[in-house]
Amino acid sequence: MSEILKIFLTSSLTIIGGVTVYALSQIVVGPIFEQRKIIGEIADALIFYANVYSSRIPGLTSKGKIDEASKRLRQLAALLQSKTHLIPWYGVFERLRIVHKSAAIEDASAALIGLSNSVGDSSPQSSEHVRGYVNKIKERLNLRIT
């Protein structure tokens, strides 16, 4: 085999290998990053809307702010589920502890929907439900927020 052919094959295989590694990283790492980004947005929403979902005094928070918080929390529940479904080989990454367990994602999503439904509810038992939802979200997604 001539030197020029060896150089051509080596450079071709290097390029093909690099493109393959890049493509696989985008297929796998991209969705994992997106899931983590949504979890960060959930932490942000829990902090940002705490005064809205924790308010038990009717009329203290405007209807527009209540609707905004409720809609955003429900949207985040949906995004958490959808971004999780985009991750190929989720079970493998779950066993390797690279991603959250699928049961934890489902529990957190359900708690976000429950929290969304509880925003603006001023009944006495609602306060306990809200606290339970927030604690479950924080626990299942390993969020360290106060």
N, C-alpha and C. Protein backbone atom coordinates (compact mmCIF):
# COMPACT_ATOMS: atom_id res chain seq x y z
N MET A 1 0.85 -1.16 0.00
CA MET A 1 0.00 0.00 0.00
C MET A 1 0.91 1.24 0.00
N SER A 2 0.56 2.17 -0.83
CA SER A 2 1.39 3.37 -0.95
C SER A 2 1.19 4.30 0.24
N GLU A 3 2.16 5.17 0.47
CA GLU A 3 2.11 6.14 1.57
C GLU A 3 0.91 7.08 1.44
N ILE A 4 0.61 7.50 0.24
CA ILE A 4 -0.51 8.42 0.02
C ILE A 4 -1.83 7.74 0.37
N LEU A 5 -1.98 6.46 0.01
CA LEU A 5 -3.19 5.73 0.33
C LEU A 5 -3.33 5.55 1.84
N LYS A 6 -2.23 5.27 2.54
CA LYS A 6 -2.25 5.13 4.00
C LYS A 6 -2.67 6.46 4.66
N ILE A 7 -2.11 7.56 4.18
CA ILE A 7 -2.46 8.87 4.71
C ILE A 7 -3.94 9.16 4.48
N PHE A 8 -4.42 8.87 3.29
CA PHE A 8 -5.82 9.10 2.95
C PHE A 8 -6.74 8.26 3.82
N LEU A 9 -6.43 6.97 4.00
CA LEU A 9 -7.27 6.10 4.83
C LEU A 9 -7.25 6.55 6.30
N THR A 10 -6.09 6.90 6.80
CA THR A 10 -5.98 7.35 8.18
C THR A 10 -6.79 8.62 8.41
N SER A 11 -6.66 9.58 7.53
CA SER A 11 -7.42 10.83 7.70
C SER A 11 -8.91 10.59 7.51
N SER A 12 -9.30 9.73 6.59
CA SER A 12 -10.72 9.43 6.38
C SER A 12 -11.32 8.76 7.61
N LEU A 13 -10.62 7.77 8.16
CA LEU A 13 -11.13 7.09 9.35
C LEU A 13 -11.19 8.03 10.56
N THR A 14 -10.23 8.93 10.65
CA THR A 14 -10.24 9.91 11.73
C THR A 14 -11.44 10.83 11.62
N ILE A 15 -11.71 11.29 10.44
CA ILE A 15 -12.85 12.18 10.22
C ILE A 15 -14.16 11.44 10.48
N ILE A 16 -14.30 10.24 9.95
CA ILE A 16 -15.52 9.45 10.14
C ILE A 16 -15.72 9.14 11.63
N GLY A 17 -14.63 8.79 12.32
CA GLY A 17 -14.71 8.52 13.76
C GLY A 17 -15.14 9.76 14.53
N GLY A 18 -14.56 10.89 14.20
CA GLY A 18 -14.92 12.14 14.88
C GLY A 18 -16.36 12.53 14.67
N VAL A 19 -16.83 12.40 13.44
CA VAL A 19 -18.23 12.72 13.13
C VAL A 19 -19.17 11.77 13.87
N THR A 20 -18.80 10.49 13.93
CA THR A 20 -19.62 9.50 14.62
C THR A 20 -19.71 9.81 16.11
N VAL A 21 -18.58 10.09 16.73
CA VAL A 21 -18.57 10.42 18.15
C VAL A 21 -19.40 11.68 18.41
N TYR A 22 -19.24 12.68 17.58
CA TYR A 22 -20.00 13.93 17.74
C TYR A 22 -21.50 13.66 17.61
N ALA A 23 -21.89 12.89 16.60
CA ALA A 23 -23.31 12.61 16.37
C ALA A 23 -23.90 11.84 17.55
N LEU A 24 -23.18 10.83 18.03
CA LEU A 24 -23.68 10.06 19.16
C LEU A 24 -23.78 10.92 20.42
N SER A 25 -22.82 11.80 20.61
CA SER A 25 -22.87 12.66 21.80
C SER A 25 -24.07 13.60 21.73
N GLN A 26 -24.41 14.07 20.54
CA GLN A 26 -25.57 14.95 20.39
C GLN A 26 -26.87 14.18 20.59
N ILE A 27 -26.89 12.94 20.15
CA ILE A 27 -28.09 12.12 20.29
C ILE A 27 -28.33 11.75 21.75
N VAL A 28 -27.26 11.49 22.49
CA VAL A 28 -27.38 11.02 23.87
C VAL A 28 -27.22 12.16 24.88
N VAL A 29 -26.15 12.90 24.78
CA VAL A 29 -25.84 13.92 25.78
C VAL A 29 -26.81 15.10 25.68
N GLY A 30 -27.20 15.47 24.48
CA GLY A 30 -28.13 16.59 24.29
C GLY A 30 -29.42 16.42 25.08
N PRO A 31 -30.14 15.29 24.92
CA PRO A 31 -31.38 15.10 25.68
C PRO A 31 -31.16 15.03 27.20
N ILE A 32 -30.04 14.46 27.65
CA ILE A 32 -29.76 14.42 29.08
C ILE A 32 -29.57 15.85 29.59
N PHE A 33 -28.85 16.65 28.84
CA PHE A 33 -28.66 18.06 29.21
C PHE A 33 -30.00 18.78 29.26
N GLU A 34 -30.87 18.51 28.29
CA GLU A 34 -32.19 19.16 28.26
C GLU A 34 -33.02 18.78 29.48
N GLN A 35 -32.95 17.51 29.89
CA GLN A 35 -33.67 17.09 31.09
C GLN A 35 -33.15 17.84 32.32
N ARG A 36 -31.82 17.94 32.42
CA ARG A 36 -31.23 18.65 33.56
C ARG A 36 -31.59 20.13 33.54
N LYS A 37 -31.68 20.69 32.35
CA LYS A 37 -32.07 22.10 32.21
C LYS A 37 -33.49 22.30 32.73
N ILE A 38 -34.40 21.39 32.39
CA ILE A 38 -35.78 21.48 32.87
C ILE A 38 -35.83 21.35 34.38
N ILE A 39 -35.02 20.46 34.94
CA ILE A 39 -34.99 20.31 36.40
C ILE A 39 -34.51 21.61 37.04
N GLY A 40 -33.57 22.28 36.42
CA GLY A 40 -33.13 23.59 36.90
C GLY A 40 -34.25 24.61 36.82
N GLU A 41 -35.04 24.56 35.75
CA GLU A 41 -36.17 25.48 35.61
C GLU A 41 -37.25 25.19 36.65
N ILE A 42 -37.39 23.92 37.02
CA ILE A 42 -38.35 23.55 38.07
C ILE A 42 -37.90 24.17 39.40
N ALA A 43 -36.61 24.07 39.70
CA ALA A 43 -36.08 24.69 40.92
C ALA A 43 -36.36 26.19 40.90
N ASP A 44 -36.12 26.81 39.76
CA ASP A 44 -36.38 28.24 39.61
C ASP A 44 -37.84 28.57 39.87
N ALA A 45 -38.75 27.78 39.29
CA ALA A 45 -40.19 28.04 39.45
C ALA A 45 -40.63 27.84 40.90
N LEU A 46 -40.07 26.83 41.58
CA LEU A 46 -40.44 26.60 42.98
C LEU A 46 -40.06 27.79 43.85
N ILE A 47 -38.91 28.38 43.55
CA ILE A 47 -38.48 29.55 44.31
C ILE A 47 -39.29 30.78 43.89
N PHE A 48 -39.39 31.00 42.58
CA PHE A 48 -40.03 32.21 42.06
C PHE A 48 -41.51 32.32 42.43
N TYR A 49 -42.23 31.19 42.38
CA TYR A 49 -43.67 31.21 42.64
C TYR A 49 -44.04 30.78 44.06
N ALA A 50 -43.07 30.66 44.95
CA ALA A 50 -43.37 30.23 46.33
C ALA A 50 -44.39 31.14 47.00
N ASN A 51 -44.28 32.43 46.77
CA ASN A 51 -45.24 33.36 47.39
C ASN A 51 -46.65 33.19 46.82
N VAL A 52 -46.74 32.66 45.61
CA VAL A 52 -48.05 32.48 44.99
C VAL A 52 -48.70 31.18 45.47
N TYR A 53 -47.98 30.06 45.40
CA TYR A 53 -48.60 28.79 45.78
C TYR A 53 -48.69 28.62 47.30
N SER A 54 -47.96 29.41 48.07
CA SER A 54 -48.02 29.32 49.53
C SER A 54 -49.04 30.28 50.14
N SER A 55 -49.55 31.21 49.36
CA SER A 55 -50.47 32.22 49.88
C SER A 55 -51.81 31.57 50.24
N ARG A 56 -52.25 31.78 51.48
CA ARG A 56 -53.53 31.24 51.94
C ARG A 56 -54.54 32.35 52.22
N ILE A 57 -54.17 33.57 51.91
CA ILE A 57 -55.07 34.70 52.15
C ILE A 57 -55.76 35.04 50.82
N PRO A 58 -57.08 34.82 50.73
CA PRO A 58 -57.79 35.11 49.49
C PRO A 58 -57.61 36.58 49.09
N GLY A 59 -57.36 36.81 47.82
CA GLY A 59 -57.25 38.16 47.30
C GLY A 59 -55.87 38.78 47.43
N LEU A 60 -54.97 38.12 48.16
CA LEU A 60 -53.63 38.67 48.35
C LEU A 60 -52.81 38.60 47.06
N THR A 61 -53.01 37.54 46.30
CA THR A 61 -52.31 37.35 45.03
C THR A 61 -53.31 37.53 43.90
N SER A 62 -52.90 38.25 42.87
CA SER A 62 -53.82 38.52 41.75
C SER A 62 -54.14 37.24 40.98
N LYS A 63 -55.30 37.24 40.38
CA LYS A 63 -55.75 36.09 39.57
C LYS A 63 -54.78 35.83 38.43
N GLY A 64 -54.24 36.88 37.84
CA GLY A 64 -53.28 36.72 36.75
C GLY A 64 -52.01 36.01 37.18
N LYS A 65 -51.52 36.35 38.38
CA LYS A 65 -50.30 35.72 38.90
C LYS A 65 -50.57 34.26 39.26
N ILE A 66 -51.75 33.98 39.81
CA ILE A 66 -52.14 32.61 40.14
C ILE A 66 -52.20 31.77 38.86
N ASP A 67 -52.84 32.30 37.83
CA ASP A 67 -52.95 31.59 36.55
C ASP A 67 -51.58 31.37 35.92
N GLU A 68 -50.72 32.37 36.01
CA GLU A 68 -49.37 32.27 35.46
C GLU A 68 -48.58 31.16 36.16
N ALA A 69 -48.62 31.14 37.48
CA ALA A 69 -47.89 30.13 38.25
C ALA A 69 -48.44 28.73 37.95
N SER A 70 -49.74 28.60 37.95
CA SER A 70 -50.37 27.31 37.68
C SER A 70 -49.99 26.78 36.30
N LYS A 71 -50.06 27.65 35.31
CA LYS A 71 -49.73 27.27 33.94
C LYS A 71 -48.26 26.87 33.82
N ARG A 72 -47.36 27.64 34.45
CA ARG A 72 -45.93 27.35 34.35
C ARG A 72 -45.57 26.03 35.03
N LEU A 73 -46.15 25.77 36.19
CA LEU A 73 -45.87 24.51 36.89
C LEU A 73 -46.36 23.31 36.08
N ARG A 74 -47.54 23.43 35.49
CA ARG A 74 -48.06 22.33 34.65
C ARG A 74 -47.20 22.16 33.40
N GLN A 75 -46.77 23.25 32.81
CA GLN A 75 -45.91 23.19 31.64
C GLN A 75 -44.59 22.49 31.97
N LEU A 76 -44.03 22.79 33.12
CA LEU A 76 -42.78 22.15 33.53
C LEU A 76 -42.97 20.65 33.76
N ALA A 77 -44.13 20.26 34.28
CA ALA A 77 -44.42 18.83 34.45
C ALA A 77 -44.43 18.13 33.09
N ALA A 78 -45.05 18.76 32.11
CA ALA A 78 -45.10 18.18 30.77
C ALA A 78 -43.72 18.14 30.12
N LEU A 79 -42.96 19.21 30.28
CA LEU A 79 -41.61 19.26 29.71
C LEU A 79 -40.69 18.22 30.34
N LEU A 80 -40.83 18.02 31.65
CA LEU A 80 -40.01 17.01 32.33
C LEU A 80 -40.28 15.63 31.74
N GLN A 81 -41.54 15.33 31.53
CA GLN A 81 -41.89 14.04 30.93
C GLN A 81 -41.40 13.94 29.49
N SER A 82 -41.62 14.98 28.70
CA SER A 82 -41.26 14.90 27.28
C SER A 82 -39.76 14.84 27.08
N LYS A 83 -38.99 15.62 27.85
CA LYS A 83 -37.53 15.59 27.71
C LYS A 83 -36.97 14.24 28.17
N THR A 84 -37.61 13.63 29.15
CA THR A 84 -37.17 12.32 29.62
C THR A 84 -37.37 11.26 28.53
N HIS A 85 -38.49 11.36 27.82
CA HIS A 85 -38.78 10.38 26.76
C HIS A 85 -37.84 10.51 25.57
N LEU A 86 -37.16 11.64 25.44
CA LEU A 86 -36.22 11.83 24.33
C LEU A 86 -34.88 11.14 24.56
N ILE A 87 -34.59 10.74 25.78
CA ILE A 87 -33.29 10.16 26.10
C ILE A 87 -33.27 8.69 25.68
N PRO A 88 -32.42 8.36 24.68
CA PRO A 88 -32.34 6.95 24.26
C PRO A 88 -31.65 6.12 25.34
N TRP A 89 -32.00 4.86 25.42
CA TRP A 89 -31.39 3.92 26.37
C TRP A 89 -31.50 4.43 27.80
N TYR A 90 -32.68 4.95 28.14
CA TYR A 90 -32.87 5.56 29.46
C TYR A 90 -32.57 4.57 30.58
N GLY A 91 -33.02 3.33 30.41
CA GLY A 91 -32.79 2.31 31.44
C GLY A 91 -31.32 2.09 31.74
N VAL A 92 -30.49 2.13 30.70
CA VAL A 92 -29.04 1.96 30.89
C VAL A 92 -28.49 3.12 31.70
N PHE A 93 -28.84 4.34 31.31
CA PHE A 93 -28.34 5.52 32.01
C PHE A 93 -28.89 5.59 33.44
N GLU A 94 -30.11 5.07 33.63
CA GLU A 94 -30.70 5.03 34.97
C GLU A 94 -29.90 4.09 35.87
N ARG A 95 -29.55 2.90 35.35
CA ARG A 95 -28.75 1.95 36.13
C ARG A 95 -27.36 2.49 36.44
N LEU A 96 -26.81 3.29 35.53
CA LEU A 96 -25.49 3.89 35.74
C LEU A 96 -25.57 5.14 36.62
N ARG A 97 -26.79 5.52 37.02
CA ARG A 97 -27.06 6.70 37.86
C ARG A 97 -26.64 8.01 37.20
N ILE A 98 -26.77 8.04 35.88
CA ILE A 98 -26.47 9.26 35.12
C ILE A 98 -27.71 10.15 35.07
N VAL A 99 -28.88 9.51 35.07
CA VAL A 99 -30.16 10.22 35.04
C VAL A 99 -30.99 9.79 36.25
N HIS A 100 -32.04 10.54 36.54
CA HIS A 100 -32.95 10.19 37.63
C HIS A 100 -33.73 8.94 37.26
N LYS A 101 -34.15 8.21 38.27
CA LYS A 101 -34.98 7.03 38.03
C LYS A 101 -36.30 7.47 37.38
N SER A 102 -36.80 6.64 36.49
CA SER A 102 -38.03 7.02 35.79
C SER A 102 -39.20 7.18 36.77
N ALA A 103 -39.23 6.37 37.83
CA ALA A 103 -40.29 6.52 38.83
C ALA A 103 -40.19 7.88 39.52
N ALA A 104 -38.97 8.36 39.76
CA ALA A 104 -38.79 9.67 40.39
C ALA A 104 -39.28 10.78 39.46
N ILE A 105 -39.02 10.63 38.17
CA ILE A 105 -39.49 11.62 37.19
C ILE A 105 -41.01 11.65 37.16
N GLU A 106 -41.63 10.47 37.15
CA GLU A 106 -43.09 10.39 37.14
C GLU A 106 -43.69 11.00 38.41
N ASP A 107 -43.09 10.68 39.57
CA ASP A 107 -43.58 11.23 40.84
C ASP A 107 -43.45 12.75 40.86
N ALA A 108 -42.31 13.26 40.42
CA ALA A 108 -42.09 14.71 40.41
C ALA A 108 -43.07 15.39 39.47
N SER A 109 -43.30 14.79 38.32
CA SER A 109 -44.24 15.36 37.35
C SER A 109 -45.66 15.39 37.92
N ALA A 110 -46.04 14.30 38.56
CA ALA A 110 -47.38 14.24 39.17
C ALA A 110 -47.50 15.29 40.29
N ALA A 111 -46.44 15.45 41.08
CA ALA A 111 -46.47 16.45 42.15
C ALA A 111 -46.53 17.87 41.59
N LEU A 112 -45.86 18.11 40.47
CA LEU A 112 -45.94 19.42 39.82
C LEU A 112 -47.36 19.71 39.36
N ILE A 113 -48.03 18.71 38.82
CA ILE A 113 -49.42 18.89 38.39
C ILE A 113 -50.31 19.12 39.60
N GLY A 114 -50.08 18.36 40.67
CA GLY A 114 -50.84 18.57 41.90
C GLY A 114 -50.63 19.98 42.45
N LEU A 115 -49.38 20.44 42.43
CA LEU A 115 -49.08 21.79 42.89
C LEU A 115 -49.76 22.82 42.00
N SER A 116 -49.73 22.57 40.71
CA SER A 116 -50.39 23.46 39.75
C SER A 116 -51.88 23.58 40.05
N ASN A 117 -52.49 22.44 40.37
CA ASN A 117 -53.93 22.44 40.68
C ASN A 117 -54.23 23.12 42.01
N SER A 118 -53.26 23.18 42.91
CA SER A 118 -53.47 23.74 44.25
C SER A 118 -53.20 25.24 44.33
N VAL A 119 -52.58 25.80 43.30
CA VAL A 119 -52.27 27.23 43.32
C VAL A 119 -53.58 28.02 43.40
N GLY A 120 -53.65 28.92 44.36
CA GLY A 120 -54.83 29.76 44.51
C GLY A 120 -55.90 29.17 45.41
N ASP A 121 -55.72 27.92 45.84
CA ASP A 121 -56.67 27.29 46.75
C ASP A 121 -56.37 27.75 48.17
N SER A 122 -57.32 28.41 48.81
CA SER A 122 -57.07 28.96 50.15
C SER A 122 -57.67 28.10 51.26
N SER A 123 -58.10 26.88 50.93
CA SER A 123 -58.67 26.01 51.96
C SER A 123 -57.59 25.55 52.94
N PRO A 124 -57.97 25.26 54.17
CA PRO A 124 -56.97 24.87 55.19
C PRO A 124 -56.14 23.64 54.81
N GLN A 125 -56.77 22.62 54.24
CA GLN A 125 -56.04 21.40 53.87
C GLN A 125 -55.12 21.61 52.67
N SER A 126 -55.35 22.66 51.91
CA SER A 126 -54.52 22.94 50.74
C SER A 126 -53.08 23.25 51.14
N SER A 127 -52.89 23.90 52.26
CA SER A 127 -51.56 24.24 52.73
C SER A 127 -50.73 22.98 52.95
N GLU A 128 -51.34 21.97 53.52
CA GLU A 128 -50.65 20.70 53.76
C GLU A 128 -50.33 20.00 52.43
N HIS A 129 -51.29 20.05 51.49
CA HIS A 129 -51.07 19.43 50.18
C HIS A 129 -49.91 20.12 49.45
N VAL A 130 -49.91 21.44 49.46
CA VAL A 130 -48.86 22.21 48.79
C VAL A 130 -47.50 21.84 49.36
N ARG A 131 -47.40 21.81 50.67
CA ARG A 131 -46.14 21.46 51.32
C ARG A 131 -45.69 20.05 50.91
N GLY A 132 -46.64 19.13 50.85
CA GLY A 132 -46.34 17.76 50.43
C GLY A 132 -45.86 17.69 48.99
N TYR A 133 -46.53 18.42 48.10
CA TYR A 133 -46.12 18.43 46.69
C TYR A 133 -44.71 19.00 46.53
N VAL A 134 -44.45 20.12 47.18
CA VAL A 134 -43.14 20.76 47.07
C VAL A 134 -42.05 19.85 47.61
N ASN A 135 -42.30 19.23 48.76
CA ASN A 135 -41.31 18.32 49.33
C ASN A 135 -41.05 17.12 48.43
N LYS A 136 -42.11 16.59 47.83
CA LYS A 136 -41.94 15.44 46.94
C LYS A 136 -41.13 15.83 45.70
N ILE A 137 -41.40 16.98 45.13
CA ILE A 137 -40.66 17.45 43.95
C ILE A 137 -39.18 17.59 44.31
N LYS A 138 -38.92 18.25 45.43
CA LYS A 138 -37.54 18.46 45.84
C LYS A 138 -36.83 17.14 46.13
N GLU A 139 -37.50 16.24 46.78
CA GLU A 139 -36.91 14.94 47.11
C GLU A 139 -36.64 14.11 45.86
N ARG A 140 -37.62 13.99 44.99
CA ARG A 140 -37.50 13.12 43.82
C ARG A 140 -36.51 13.64 42.78
N LEU A 141 -36.33 14.97 42.75
CA LEU A 141 -35.37 15.55 41.78
C LEU A 141 -34.06 15.96 42.44
N ASN A 142 -33.91 15.63 43.71
CA ASN A 142 -32.69 15.96 44.47
C ASN A 142 -32.38 17.46 44.42
N LEU A 143 -33.40 18.26 44.64
CA LEU A 143 -33.21 19.71 44.63
C LEU A 143 -32.85 20.19 46.02
N ARG A 144 -31.82 20.98 46.12
CA ARG A 144 -31.36 21.53 47.40
C ARG A 144 -31.73 23.01 47.47
N ILE A 145 -33.02 23.26 47.59
CA ILE A 145 -33.49 24.65 47.69
C ILE A 145 -34.27 24.80 48.98
N THR A 146 -34.33 26.02 49.49
CA THR A 146 -35.05 26.26 50.74
C THR A 146 -36.34 26.99 50.48
